[in-house]
PDB file of N, CA and C in Angstrom:
ATOM      1  N   UNK A   1      38.777  18.497  -5.430  1.00  0.00           N
ATOM      2  CA  UNK A   1      38.433  17.862  -6.516  1.00  0.00           C
ATOM      3  C   UNK A   1      36.912  17.983  -6.903  1.00  0.00           C
ATOM      4  N   UNK A   2      36.062  17.785  -5.906  1.00  0.00           N
ATOM      5  CA  UNK A   2      34.628  17.922  -6.104  1.00  0.00           C
ATOM      6  C   UNK A   2      34.194  19.279  -6.555  1.00  0.00           C
ATOM      7  N   UNK A   3      34.815  20.239  -5.928  1.00  0.00           N
ATOM      8  CA  UNK A   3      34.536  21.679  -6.223  1.00  0.00           C
ATOM      9  C   UNK A   3      34.886  21.989  -7.661  1.00  0.00           C
ATOM     10  N   UNK A   4      36.073  21.613  -8.095  1.00  0.00           N
ATOM     11  CA  UNK A   4      36.483  21.848  -9.500  1.00  0.00           C
ATOM     12  C   UNK A   4      35.571  20.976 -10.483  1.00  0.00           C
ATOM     13  N   UNK A   5      35.198  19.760 -10.139  1.00  0.00           N
ATOM     14  CA  UNK A   5      34.349  19.099 -11.029  1.00  0.00           C
ATOM     15  C   UNK A   5      32.962  19.802 -11.093  1.00  0.00           C
ATOM     16  N   UNK A   6      32.473  20.277  -9.995  1.00  0.00           N
ATOM     17  CA  UNK A   6      31.124  20.997 -10.042  1.00  0.00           C
ATOM     18  C   UNK A   6      31.219  22.245 -10.768  1.00  0.00           C
ATOM     19  N   UNK A   7      32.376  22.998 -10.702  1.00  0.00           N
ATOM     20  CA  UNK A   7      32.512  24.230 -11.433  1.00  0.00           C
ATOM     21  C   UNK A   7      32.596  23.898 -12.973  1.00  0.00           C
ATOM     22  N   UNK A   8      33.212  22.862 -13.320  1.00  0.00           N
ATOM     23  CA  UNK A   8      33.324  22.485 -14.701  1.00  0.00           C
ATOM     24  C   UNK A   8      31.978  22.085 -15.250  1.00  0.00           C
ATOM     25  N   UNK A   9      31.201  21.347 -14.445  1.00  0.00           N
ATOM     26  CA  UNK A   9      29.815  21.038 -14.891  1.00  0.00           C
ATOM     27  C   UNK A   9      28.953  22.269 -14.936  1.00  0.00           C
ATOM     28  N   UNK A  10      29.027  23.182 -14.063  1.00  0.00           N
ATOM     29  CA  UNK A  10      28.333  24.412 -14.006  1.00  0.00           C
ATOM     30  C   UNK A  10      28.618  25.213 -15.293  1.00  0.00           C
ATOM     31  N   UNK A  11      29.911  25.216 -15.736  1.00  0.00           N
ATOM     32  CA  UNK A  11      30.225  25.984 -16.959  1.00  0.00           C
ATOM     33  C   UNK A  11      29.560  25.409 -18.154  1.00  0.00           C
ATOM     34  N   UNK A  12      29.226  24.091 -18.072  1.00  0.00           N
ATOM     35  CA  UNK A  12      28.449  23.457 -19.115  1.00  0.00           C
ATOM     36  C   UNK A  12      26.989  23.583 -18.931  1.00  0.00           C
ATOM     37  N   UNK A  13      26.601  24.266 -17.937  1.00  0.00           N
ATOM     38  CA  UNK A  13      25.201  24.426 -17.649  1.00  0.00           C
ATOM     39  C   UNK A  13      24.492  23.170 -17.157  1.00  0.00           C
ATOM     40  N   UNK A  14      25.225  22.379 -16.492  1.00  0.00           N
ATOM     41  CA  UNK A  14      24.698  21.179 -15.921  1.00  0.00           C
ATOM     42  C   UNK A  14      24.529  21.266 -14.407  1.00  0.00           C
ATOM     43  N   UNK A  15      23.621  22.154 -13.965  1.00  0.00           N
ATOM     44  CA  UNK A  15      23.398  22.486 -12.638  1.00  0.00           C
ATOM     45  C   UNK A  15      23.089  21.249 -11.796  1.00  0.00           C
ATOM     46  N   UNK A  16      22.212  20.393 -12.200  1.00  0.00           N
ATOM     47  CA  UNK A  16      21.775  19.238 -11.388  1.00  0.00           C
ATOM     48  C   UNK A  16      23.024  18.308 -11.158  1.00  0.00           C
ATOM     49  N   UNK A  17      23.813  18.028 -12.217  1.00  0.00           N
ATOM     50  CA  UNK A  17      24.989  17.194 -12.023  1.00  0.00           C
ATOM     51  C   UNK A  17      26.022  17.848 -10.991  1.00  0.00           C
ATOM     52  N   UNK A  18      26.182  19.152 -11.228  1.00  0.00           N
ATOM     53  CA  UNK A  18      27.191  19.889 -10.341  1.00  0.00           C
ATOM     54  C   UNK A  18      26.767  19.845  -8.884  1.00  0.00           C
ATOM     55  N   UNK A  19      25.480  20.089  -8.689  1.00  0.00           N
ATOM     56  CA  UNK A  19      24.924  19.969  -7.300  1.00  0.00           C
ATOM     57  C   UNK A  19      24.956  18.553  -6.701  1.00  0.00           C
ATOM     58  N   UNK A  20      24.751  17.546  -7.588  1.00  0.00           N
ATOM     59  CA  UNK A  20      24.746  16.201  -7.146  1.00  0.00           C
ATOM     60  C   UNK A  20      26.178  15.816  -6.762  1.00  0.00           C
ATOM     61  N   UNK A  21      27.139  16.293  -7.465  1.00  0.00           N
ATOM     62  CA  UNK A  21      28.583  15.994  -7.200  1.00  0.00           C
ATOM     63  C   UNK A  21      28.950  16.632  -5.841  1.00  0.00           C
ATOM     64  N   UNK A  22      28.521  17.868  -5.584  1.00  0.00           N
ATOM     65  CA  UNK A  22      28.787  18.513  -4.321  1.00  0.00           C
ATOM     66  C   UNK A  22      28.072  17.878  -3.135  1.00  0.00           C
ATOM     67  N   UNK A  23      26.831  17.368  -3.364  1.00  0.00           N
ATOM     68  CA  UNK A  23      26.122  16.682  -2.274  1.00  0.00           C
ATOM     69  C   UNK A  23      26.801  15.417  -1.982  1.00  0.00           C
ATOM     70  N   UNK A  24      27.288  14.716  -2.959  1.00  0.00           N
ATOM     71  CA  UNK A  24      28.018  13.410  -2.708  1.00  0.00           C
ATOM     72  C   UNK A  24      29.270  13.674  -1.950  1.00  0.00           C
ATOM     73  N   UNK A  25      30.002  14.740  -2.349  1.00  0.00           N
ATOM     74  CA  UNK A  25      31.248  15.042  -1.614  1.00  0.00           C
ATOM     75  C   UNK A  25      30.925  15.367  -0.164  1.00  0.00           C
ATOM     76  N   UNK A  26      29.886  16.098   0.102  1.00  0.00           N
ATOM     77  CA  UNK A  26      29.545  16.449   1.465  1.00  0.00           C
ATOM     78  C   UNK A  26      29.343  15.171   2.323  1.00  0.00           C
ATOM     79  N   UNK A  27      28.786  14.141   1.721  1.00  0.00           N
ATOM     80  CA  UNK A  27      28.532  12.887   2.413  1.00  0.00           C
ATOM     81  C   UNK A  27      29.870  12.195   2.851  1.00  0.00           C
ATOM     82  N   UNK A  28      30.922  12.409   2.059  1.00  0.00           N
ATOM     83  CA  UNK A  28      32.143  11.717   2.309  1.00  0.00           C
ATOM     84  C   UNK A  28      33.154  12.518   3.173  1.00  0.00           C
ATOM     85  N   UNK A  29      32.890  13.775   3.384  1.00  0.00           N
ATOM     86  CA  UNK A  29      33.821  14.637   4.160  1.00  0.00           C
ATOM     87  C   UNK A  29      33.471  14.463   5.639  1.00  0.00           C
ATOM     88  N   UNK A  30      34.438  14.041   6.485  1.00  0.00           N
ATOM     89  CA  UNK A  30      34.155  13.839   7.855  1.00  0.00           C
ATOM     90  C   UNK A  30      33.705  15.198   8.537  1.00  0.00           C
ATOM     91  N   UNK A  31      32.817  15.131   9.445  1.00  0.00           N
ATOM     92  CA  UNK A  31      32.340  16.208  10.204  1.00  0.00           C
ATOM     93  C   UNK A  31      33.460  16.974  10.845  1.00  0.00           C
ATOM     94  N   UNK A  32      34.521  16.347  11.215  1.00  0.00           N
ATOM     95  CA  UNK A  32      35.640  17.061  11.776  1.00  0.00           C
ATOM     96  C   UNK A  32      36.426  17.935  10.847  1.00  0.00           C
ATOM     97  N   UNK A  33      36.193  17.747   9.591  1.00  0.00           N
ATOM     98  CA  UNK A  33      36.895  18.626   8.534  1.00  0.00           C
ATOM     99  C   UNK A  33      35.956  19.812   8.239  1.00  0.00           C
ATOM    100  N   UNK A  34      35.836  20.663   9.143  1.00  0.00           N
ATOM    101  CA  UNK A  34      34.911  21.791   9.103  1.00  0.00           C
ATOM    102  C   UNK A  34      35.159  22.715   7.917  1.00  0.00           C
ATOM    103  N   UNK A  35      36.508  23.024   7.672  1.00  0.00           N
ATOM    104  CA  UNK A  35      36.867  23.996   6.660  1.00  0.00           C
ATOM    105  C   UNK A  35      36.566  23.391   5.309  1.00  0.00           C
ATOM    106  N   UNK A  36      36.750  22.137   5.029  1.00  0.00           N
ATOM    107  CA  UNK A  36      36.443  21.577   3.763  1.00  0.00           C
ATOM    108  C   UNK A  36      34.901  21.513   3.560  1.00  0.00           C
ATOM    109  N   UNK A  37      34.149  21.129   4.649  1.00  0.00           N
ATOM    110  CA  UNK A  37      32.690  21.088   4.547  1.00  0.00           C
ATOM    111  C   UNK A  37      32.161  22.486   4.192  1.00  0.00           C
ATOM    112  N   UNK A  38      32.768  23.578   4.832  1.00  0.00           N
ATOM    113  CA  UNK A  38      32.287  24.905   4.517  1.00  0.00           C
ATOM    114  C   UNK A  38      32.582  25.317   3.058  1.00  0.00           C
ATOM    115  N   UNK A  39      33.735  24.936   2.584  1.00  0.00           N
ATOM    116  CA  UNK A  39      34.097  25.197   1.130  1.00  0.00           C
ATOM    117  C   UNK A  39      33.031  24.523   0.235  1.00  0.00           C
ATOM    118  N   UNK A  40      32.788  23.305   0.403  1.00  0.00           N
ATOM    119  CA  UNK A  40      31.901  22.486  -0.405  1.00  0.00           C
ATOM    120  C   UNK A  40      30.497  23.085  -0.312  1.00  0.00           C
ATOM    121  N   UNK A  41      30.017  23.374   0.861  1.00  0.00           N
ATOM    122  CA  UNK A  41      28.709  24.015   1.124  1.00  0.00           C
ATOM    123  C   UNK A  41      28.525  25.327   0.418  1.00  0.00           C
ATOM    124  N   UNK A  42      29.624  26.104   0.518  1.00  0.00           N
ATOM    125  CA  UNK A  42      29.585  27.413  -0.126  1.00  0.00           C
ATOM    126  C   UNK A  42      29.541  27.246  -1.664  1.00  0.00           C
ATOM    127  N   UNK A  43      30.237  26.364  -2.147  1.00  0.00           N
ATOM    128  CA  UNK A  43      30.269  26.046  -3.647  1.00  0.00           C
ATOM    129  C   UNK A  43      28.836  25.602  -4.062  1.00  0.00           C
ATOM    130  N   UNK A  44      28.184  24.699  -3.248  1.00  0.00           N
ATOM    131  CA  UNK A  44      26.828  24.261  -3.604  1.00  0.00           C
ATOM    132  C   UNK A  44      25.906  25.487  -3.556  1.00  0.00           C
ATOM    133  N   UNK A  45      26.012  26.360  -2.537  1.00  0.00           N
ATOM    134  CA  UNK A  45      25.180  27.507  -2.509  1.00  0.00           C
ATOM    135  C   UNK A  45      25.386  28.506  -3.701  1.00  0.00           C
ATOM    136  N   UNK A  46      26.539  28.480  -4.278  1.00  0.00           N
ATOM    137  CA  UNK A  46      26.787  29.329  -5.448  1.00  0.00           C
ATOM    138  C   UNK A  46      26.210  28.711  -6.637  1.00  0.00           C
ATOM    139  N   UNK A  47      26.525  27.438  -6.829  1.00  0.00           N
ATOM    140  CA  UNK A  47      26.091  26.735  -8.111  1.00  0.00           C
ATOM    141  C   UNK A  47      24.598  26.686  -8.209  1.00  0.00           C
ATOM    142  N   UNK A  48      23.912  26.526  -7.061  1.00  0.00           N
ATOM    143  CA  UNK A  48      22.429  26.327  -7.168  1.00  0.00           C
ATOM    144  C   UNK A  48      21.712  27.673  -7.429  1.00  0.00           C
ATOM    145  N   UNK A  49      22.409  28.779  -7.360  1.00  0.00           N
ATOM    146  CA  UNK A  49      21.757  30.038  -7.540  1.00  0.00           C
ATOM    147  C   UNK A  49      22.292  30.836  -8.768  1.00  0.00           C
ATOM    148  N   UNK A  50      23.347  30.440  -9.348  1.00  0.00           N
ATOM    149  CA  UNK A  50      23.986  31.168 -10.418  1.00  0.00           C
ATOM    150  C   UNK A  50      23.045  31.187 -11.681  1.00  0.00           C
ATOM    151  N   UNK A  51      22.974  32.394 -12.259  1.00  0.00           N
ATOM    152  CA  UNK A  51      22.193  32.543 -13.580  1.00  0.00           C
ATOM    153  C   UNK A  51      23.044  32.310 -14.712  1.00  0.00           C
ATOM    154  N   UNK A  52      22.681  31.426 -15.590  1.00  0.00           N
ATOM    155  CA  UNK A  52      23.501  31.090 -16.749  1.00  0.00           C
ATOM    156  C   UNK A  52      23.193  32.084 -17.928  1.00  0.00           C
ATOM    157  N   UNK A  53      22.044  32.665 -18.007  1.00  0.00           N
ATOM    158  CA  UNK A  53      21.675  33.581 -19.065  1.00  0.00           C
ATOM    159  C   UNK A  53      21.138  34.923 -18.574  1.00  0.00           C
ATOM    160  N   UNK A  54      21.490  35.934 -19.283  1.00  0.00           N
ATOM    161  CA  UNK A  54      20.965  37.304 -18.928  1.00  0.00           C
ATOM    162  C   UNK A  54      19.467  37.299 -19.049  1.00  0.00           C
ATOM    163  N   UNK A  55      18.876  36.669 -20.023  1.00  0.00           N
ATOM    164  CA  UNK A  55      17.504  36.718 -20.214  1.00  0.00           C
ATOM    165  C   UNK A  55      16.753  35.956 -19.099  1.00  0.00           C
ATOM    166  N   UNK A  56      17.218  34.808 -18.648  1.00  0.00           N
ATOM    167  CA  UNK A  56      16.702  34.186 -17.512  1.00  0.00           C
ATOM    168  C   UNK A  56      16.790  34.992 -16.266  1.00  0.00           C
ATOM    169  N   UNK A  57      17.837  35.666 -16.055  1.00  0.00           N
ATOM    170  CA  UNK A  57      17.912  36.556 -14.875  1.00  0.00           C
ATOM    171  C   UNK A  57      16.944  37.716 -14.923  1.00  0.00           C
ATOM    172  N   UNK A  58      16.794  38.304 -16.212  1.00  0.00           N
ATOM    173  CA  UNK A  58      15.822  39.408 -16.346  1.00  0.00           C
ATOM    174  C   UNK A  58      14.402  38.995 -16.102  1.00  0.00           C
ATOM    175  N   UNK A  59      14.062  37.763 -16.568  1.00  0.00           N
ATOM    176  CA  UNK A  59      12.684  37.173 -16.395  1.00  0.00           C
ATOM    177  C   UNK A  59      12.449  36.943 -14.884  1.00  0.00           C
ATOM    178  N   UNK A  60      13.503  36.534 -14.189  1.00  0.00           N
ATOM    179  CA  UNK A  60      13.392  36.246 -12.745  1.00  0.00           C
ATOM    180  C   UNK A  60      13.218  37.564 -12.003  1.00  0.00           C
ATOM    181  N   UNK A  61      13.951  38.578 -12.330  1.00  0.00           N
ATOM    182  CA  UNK A  61      13.814  39.895 -11.690  1.00  0.00           C
ATOM    183  C   UNK A  61      12.456  40.452 -12.028  1.00  0.00           C
ATOM    184  N   UNK A  62      11.952  40.364 -13.191  1.00  0.00           N
ATOM    185  CA  UNK A  62      10.641  40.829 -13.574  1.00  0.00           C
ATOM    186  C   UNK A  62       9.575  40.110 -12.702  1.00  0.00           C
ATOM    187  N   UNK A  63       9.680  38.819 -12.631  1.00  0.00           N
ATOM    188  CA  UNK A  63       8.795  38.094 -11.809  1.00  0.00           C
ATOM    189  C   UNK A  63       8.822  38.463 -10.361  1.00  0.00           C
ATOM    190  N   UNK A  64      10.006  38.620  -9.909  1.00  0.00           N
ATOM    191  CA  UNK A  64      10.177  38.978  -8.427  1.00  0.00           C
ATOM    192  C   UNK A  64       9.473  40.352  -8.228  1.00  0.00           C
ATOM    193  N   UNK A  65       9.639  41.370  -9.111  1.00  0.00           N
ATOM    194  CA  UNK A  65       9.106  42.618  -8.868  1.00  0.00           C
ATOM    195  C   UNK A  65       7.599  42.655  -8.999  1.00  0.00           C
ATOM    196  N   UNK A  66       7.045  41.650  -9.720  1.00  0.00           N
ATOM    197  CA  UNK A  66       5.568  41.591  -9.862  1.00  0.00           C
ATOM    198  C   UNK A  66       4.845  40.812  -8.857  1.00  0.00           C
ATOM    199  N   UNK A  67       5.598  40.083  -8.010  1.00  0.00           N
ATOM    200  CA  UNK A  67       4.911  39.030  -7.148  1.00  0.00           C
ATOM    201  C   UNK A  67       3.740  39.600  -6.247  1.00  0.00           C
ATOM    202  N   UNK A  68       3.825  40.851  -5.843  1.00  0.00           N
ATOM    203  CA  UNK A  68       2.710  41.400  -4.964  1.00  0.00           C
ATOM    204  C   UNK A  68       1.651  42.070  -5.736  1.00  0.00           C
ATOM    205  N   UNK A  69       2.048  42.698  -6.880  1.00  0.00           N
ATOM    206  CA  UNK A  69       1.070  43.443  -7.730  1.00  0.00           C
ATOM    207  C   UNK A  69       0.311  42.502  -8.604  1.00  0.00           C
ATOM    208  N   UNK A  70       1.009  41.545  -9.205  1.00  0.00           N
ATOM    209  CA  UNK A  70       0.287  40.676 -10.145  1.00  0.00           C
ATOM    210  C   UNK A  70       0.915  39.224 -10.062  1.00  0.00           C
ATOM    211  N   UNK A  71       0.479  38.498  -9.094  1.00  0.00           N
ATOM    212  CA  UNK A  71       1.043  37.131  -8.923  1.00  0.00           C
ATOM    213  C   UNK A  71       0.995  36.231 -10.079  1.00  0.00           C
ATOM    214  N   UNK A  72      -0.108  36.287 -10.892  1.00  0.00           N
ATOM    215  CA  UNK A  72      -0.199  35.471 -12.084  1.00  0.00           C
ATOM    216  C   UNK A  72       0.798  35.785 -13.056  1.00  0.00           C
ATOM    217  N   UNK A  73       1.071  37.049 -13.377  1.00  0.00           N
ATOM    218  CA  UNK A  73       2.071  37.497 -14.296  1.00  0.00           C
ATOM    219  C   UNK A  73       3.451  37.143 -13.790  1.00  0.00           C
ATOM    220  N   UNK A  74       3.655  37.271 -12.428  1.00  0.00           N
ATOM    221  CA  UNK A  74       4.871  37.019 -11.803  1.00  0.00           C
ATOM    222  C   UNK A  74       5.278  35.484 -12.006  1.00  0.00           C
ATOM    223  N   UNK A  75       4.182  34.628 -11.784  1.00  0.00           N
ATOM    224  CA  UNK A  75       4.468  33.201 -12.028  1.00  0.00           C
ATOM    225  C   UNK A  75       4.881  32.896 -13.418  1.00  0.00           C
ATOM    226  N   UNK A  76       4.114  33.522 -14.375  1.00  0.00           N
ATOM    227  CA  UNK A  76       4.457  33.311 -15.789  1.00  0.00           C
ATOM    228  C   UNK A  76       5.926  33.720 -16.086  1.00  0.00           C
ATOM    229  N   UNK A  77       6.429  34.807 -15.544  1.00  0.00           N
ATOM    230  CA  UNK A  77       7.822  35.314 -15.783  1.00  0.00           C
ATOM    231  C   UNK A  77       8.698  34.344 -15.057  1.00  0.00           C
ATOM    232  N   UNK A  78       8.493  33.872 -13.889  1.00  0.00           N
ATOM    233  CA  UNK A  78       9.245  32.955 -13.129  1.00  0.00           C
ATOM    234  C   UNK A  78       9.334  31.595 -13.818  1.00  0.00           C
ATOM    235  N   UNK A  79       8.309  31.145 -14.304  1.00  0.00           N
ATOM    236  CA  UNK A  79       8.346  29.830 -15.039  1.00  0.00           C
ATOM    237  C   UNK A  79       9.140  29.959 -16.291  1.00  0.00           C
ATOM    238  N   UNK A  80       9.106  31.109 -16.950  1.00  0.00           N
ATOM    239  CA  UNK A  80       9.923  31.353 -18.153  1.00  0.00           C
ATOM    240  C   UNK A  80      11.409  31.334 -17.732  1.00  0.00           C
ATOM    241  N   UNK A  81      11.684  32.022 -16.634  1.00  0.00           N
ATOM    242  CA  UNK A  81      13.053  32.036 -16.111  1.00  0.00           C
ATOM    243  C   UNK A  81      13.576  30.620 -15.767  1.00  0.00           C
ATOM    244  N   UNK A  82      12.660  29.866 -15.128  1.00  0.00           N
ATOM    245  CA  UNK A  82      13.048  28.508 -14.729  1.00  0.00           C
ATOM    246  C   UNK A  82      13.369  27.528 -15.956  1.00  0.00           C
ATOM    247  N   UNK A  83      12.588  27.826 -17.009  1.00  0.00           N
ATOM    248  CA  UNK A  83      12.823  27.070 -18.216  1.00  0.00           C
ATOM    249  C   UNK A  83      14.199  27.306 -18.846  1.00  0.00           C
ATOM    250  N   UNK A  84      14.673  28.574 -18.611  1.00  0.00           N
ATOM    251  CA  UNK A  84      16.054  28.939 -19.092  1.00  0.00           C
ATOM    252  C   UNK A  84      17.113  28.640 -18.066  1.00  0.00           C
ATOM    253  N   UNK A  85      16.788  28.524 -16.817  1.00  0.00           N
ATOM    254  CA  UNK A  85      17.705  28.455 -15.752  1.00  0.00           C
ATOM    255  C   UNK A  85      17.768  27.131 -15.009  1.00  0.00           C
ATOM    256  N   UNK A  86      17.142  26.109 -15.570  1.00  0.00           N
ATOM    257  CA  UNK A  86      17.413  24.779 -15.090  1.00  0.00           C
ATOM    258  C   UNK A  86      17.545  24.559 -13.615  1.00  0.00           C
ATOM    259  N   UNK A  87      16.394  24.649 -12.980  1.00  0.00           N
ATOM    260  CA  UNK A  87      16.434  24.421 -11.496  1.00  0.00           C
ATOM    261  C   UNK A  87      17.228  25.363 -10.639  1.00  0.00           C
ATOM    262  N   UNK A  88      17.184  26.623 -11.005  1.00  0.00           N
ATOM    263  CA  UNK A  88      17.842  27.615 -10.232  1.00  0.00           C
ATOM    264  C   UNK A  88      17.142  27.793  -8.936  1.00  0.00           C
ATOM    265  N   UNK A  89      17.835  27.703  -7.820  1.00  0.00           N
ATOM    266  CA  UNK A  89      17.186  27.656  -6.448  1.00  0.00           C
ATOM    267  C   UNK A  89      16.584  29.039  -6.232  1.00  0.00           C
ATOM    268  N   UNK A  90      17.140  30.160  -6.674  1.00  0.00           N
ATOM    269  CA  UNK A  90      16.538  31.505  -6.410  1.00  0.00           C
ATOM    270  C   UNK A  90      15.121  31.570  -7.107  1.00  0.00           C
ATOM    271  N   UNK A  91      15.058  30.971  -8.371  1.00  0.00           N
ATOM    272  CA  UNK A  91      13.817  31.002  -9.050  1.00  0.00           C
ATOM    273  C   UNK A  91      12.823  30.064  -8.375  1.00  0.00           C
ATOM    274  N   UNK A  92      13.226  28.881  -8.015  1.00  0.00           N
ATOM    275  CA  UNK A  92      12.305  27.995  -7.390  1.00  0.00           C
ATOM    276  C   UNK A  92      11.793  28.529  -6.042  1.00  0.00           C
ATOM    277  N   UNK A  93      12.627  29.087  -5.210  1.00  0.00           N
ATOM    278  CA  UNK A  93      12.154  29.713  -3.919  1.00  0.00           C
ATOM    279  C   UNK A  93      11.195  30.816  -4.195  1.00  0.00           C
ATOM    280  N   UNK A  94      11.449  31.663  -5.215  1.00  0.00           N
ATOM    281  CA  UNK A  94      10.520  32.739  -5.402  1.00  0.00           C
ATOM    282  C   UNK A  94       9.181  32.235  -5.998  1.00  0.00           C
ATOM    283  N   UNK A  95       9.247  31.171  -6.807  1.00  0.00           N
ATOM    284  CA  UNK A  95       7.961  30.616  -7.262  1.00  0.00           C
ATOM    285  C   UNK A  95       7.200  30.095  -6.067  1.00  0.00           C
ATOM    286  N   UNK A  96       7.855  29.483  -5.134  1.00  0.00           N
ATOM    287  CA  UNK A  96       7.140  28.990  -3.876  1.00  0.00           C
ATOM    288  C   UNK A  96       6.570  30.138  -3.170  1.00  0.00           C
ATOM    289  N   UNK A  97       7.271  31.278  -3.081  1.00  0.00           N
ATOM    290  CA  UNK A  97       6.709  32.484  -2.340  1.00  0.00           C
ATOM    291  C   UNK A  97       5.382  32.969  -3.006  1.00  0.00           C
ATOM    292  N   UNK A  98       5.467  33.052  -4.372  1.00  0.00           N
ATOM    293  CA  UNK A  98       4.280  33.521  -5.112  1.00  0.00           C
ATOM    294  C   UNK A  98       3.167  32.511  -4.981  1.00  0.00           C
ATOM    295  N   UNK A  99       3.413  31.245  -5.020  1.00  0.00           N
ATOM    296  CA  UNK A  99       2.456  30.282  -4.877  1.00  0.00           C
ATOM    297  C   UNK A  99       1.776  30.379  -3.472  1.00  0.00           C
ATOM    298  N   UNK A 100       2.521  30.781  -2.402  1.00  0.00           N
ATOM    299  CA  UNK A 100       1.898  31.022  -1.188  1.00  0.00           C
ATOM    300  C   UNK A 100       1.098  32.220  -1.098  1.00  0.00           C
ATOM    301  N   UNK A 101       1.575  33.257  -1.783  1.00  0.00           N
ATOM    302  CA  UNK A 101       0.715  34.469  -1.996  1.00  0.00           C
ATOM    303  C   UNK A 101      -0.568  34.177  -2.563  1.00  0.00           C
ATOM    304  N   UNK A 102      -0.536  33.215  -3.517  1.00  0.00           N
ATOM    305  CA  UNK A 102      -1.834  32.888  -4.266  1.00  0.00           C
ATOM    306  C   UNK A 102      -2.601  31.742  -3.497  1.00  0.00           C
ATOM    307  N   UNK A 103      -2.078  31.394  -2.232  1.00  0.00           N
ATOM    308  CA  UNK A 103      -2.595  30.331  -1.416  1.00  0.00           C
ATOM    309  C   UNK A 103      -2.667  28.964  -2.113  1.00  0.00           C
ATOM    310  N   UNK A 104      -1.620  28.764  -2.958  1.00  0.00           N
ATOM    311  CA  UNK A 104      -1.438  27.502  -3.593  1.00  0.00           C
ATOM    312  C   UNK A 104      -0.387  26.653  -2.807  1.00  0.00           C
ATOM    313  N   UNK A 105      -0.841  26.171  -1.656  1.00  0.00           N
ATOM    314  CA  UNK A 105       0.092  25.452  -0.734  1.00  0.00           C
ATOM    315  C   UNK A 105       0.696  24.222  -1.356  1.00  0.00           C
ATOM    316  N   UNK A 106      -0.111  23.478  -2.147  1.00  0.00           N
ATOM    317  CA  UNK A 106       0.428  22.270  -2.715  1.00  0.00           C
ATOM    318  C   UNK A 106       1.535  22.595  -3.745  1.00  0.00           C
ATOM    319  N   UNK A 107       1.249  23.654  -4.597  1.00  0.00           N
ATOM    320  CA  UNK A 107       2.300  24.044  -5.536  1.00  0.00           C
ATOM    321  C   UNK A 107       3.570  24.550  -4.859  1.00  0.00           C
ATOM    322  N   UNK A 108       3.405  25.270  -3.786  1.00  0.00           N
ATOM    323  CA  UNK A 108       4.554  25.803  -3.028  1.00  0.00           C
ATOM    324  C   UNK A 108       5.332  24.602  -2.423  1.00  0.00           C
ATOM    325  N   UNK A 109       4.583  23.593  -1.926  1.00  0.00           N
ATOM    326  CA  UNK A 109       5.290  22.483  -1.362  1.00  0.00           C
ATOM    327  C   UNK A 109       6.074  21.669  -2.409  1.00  0.00           C
ATOM    328  N   UNK A 110       5.576  21.591  -3.628  1.00  0.00           N
ATOM    329  CA  UNK A 110       6.166  20.927  -4.721  1.00  0.00           C
ATOM    330  C   UNK A 110       7.491  21.791  -5.164  1.00  0.00           C
ATOM    331  N   UNK A 111       7.432  23.064  -5.222  1.00  0.00           N
ATOM    332  CA  UNK A 111       8.474  23.872  -5.519  1.00  0.00           C
ATOM    333  C   UNK A 111       9.603  23.795  -4.465  1.00  0.00           C
ATOM    334  N   UNK A 112       9.228  23.767  -3.217  1.00  0.00           N
ATOM    335  CA  UNK A 112      10.272  23.682  -2.138  1.00  0.00           C
ATOM    336  C   UNK A 112      10.932  22.307  -2.186  1.00  0.00           C
ATOM    337  N   UNK A 113      10.104  21.240  -2.427  1.00  0.00           N
ATOM    338  CA  UNK A 113      10.686  19.885  -2.533  1.00  0.00           C
ATOM    339  C   UNK A 113      11.672  19.777  -3.627  1.00  0.00           C
ATOM    340  N   UNK A 114      11.356  20.461  -4.734  1.00  0.00           N
ATOM    341  CA  UNK A 114      12.228  20.499  -5.931  1.00  0.00           C
ATOM    342  C   UNK A 114      13.612  21.226  -5.592  1.00  0.00           C
ATOM    343  N   UNK A 115      13.474  22.308  -4.874  1.00  0.00           N
ATOM    344  CA  UNK A 115      14.573  23.067  -4.417  1.00  0.00           C
ATOM    345  C   UNK A 115      15.438  22.267  -3.443  1.00  0.00           C
ATOM    346  N   UNK A 116      14.743  21.588  -2.491  1.00  0.00           N
ATOM    347  CA  UNK A 116      15.510  20.775  -1.401  1.00  0.00           C
ATOM    348  C   UNK A 116      16.244  19.693  -2.169  1.00  0.00           C
ATOM    349  N   UNK A 117      15.704  19.078  -3.227  1.00  0.00           N
ATOM    350  CA  UNK A 117      16.405  18.045  -3.911  1.00  0.00           C
ATOM    351  C   UNK A 117      17.702  18.529  -4.441  1.00  0.00           C
ATOM    352  N   UNK A 118      17.670  19.715  -4.878  1.00  0.00           N
ATOM    353  CA  UNK A 118      18.944  20.386  -5.469  1.00  0.00           C
ATOM    354  C   UNK A 118      19.996  20.682  -4.277  1.00  0.00           C
ATOM    355  N   UNK A 119      19.444  21.295  -3.246  1.00  0.00           N
ATOM    356  CA  UNK A 119      20.294  21.624  -2.081  1.00  0.00           C
ATOM    357  C   UNK A 119      19.500  21.528  -0.819  1.00  0.00           C
ATOM    358  N   UNK A 120      19.598  20.427  -0.105  1.00  0.00           N
ATOM    359  CA  UNK A 120      18.767  20.169   1.102  1.00  0.00           C
ATOM    360  C   UNK A 120      18.953  21.259   2.211  1.00  0.00           C
ATOM    361  N   UNK A 121      20.060  21.935   2.230  1.00  0.00           N
ATOM    362  CA  UNK A 121      20.300  22.949   3.252  1.00  0.00           C
ATOM    363  C   UNK A 121      19.842  24.405   2.928  1.00  0.00           C
ATOM    364  N   UNK A 122      19.372  24.606   1.686  1.00  0.00           N
ATOM    365  CA  UNK A 122      19.091  25.918   1.261  1.00  0.00           C
ATOM    366  C   UNK A 122      17.806  26.505   1.686  1.00  0.00           C
ATOM    367  N   UNK A 123      16.801  25.694   1.767  1.00  0.00           N
ATOM    368  CA  UNK A 123      15.412  26.289   2.069  1.00  0.00           C
ATOM    369  C   UNK A 123      14.939  25.534   3.310  1.00  0.00           C
TER     370      UNK A 123
END
């Protein structure tokens, strides 16, 4: 039920609600139900990284390709992608990497905290 609810929310581009639903489901599933825990965890890993727009994905890919050559431009592209992709974990983790390249440890810590709020097991 939780997986279907999360998928429905993801189709509506409500990533935070979908991830919250799956996180809550994980809290209620007994540790002994390994197969169900794996299914919910896999769904969470998919929902937190899915791109909802082609433009957002293209901005992400552009930022990713620029992160070593031009970190400032990479961050600009990644922030544009994030504005379109609503807390996409792939975008957030790449932003954190670029922030570390730029020696912005506080910014990287904030980005990682934001990503962990979405999926505590991902980063």
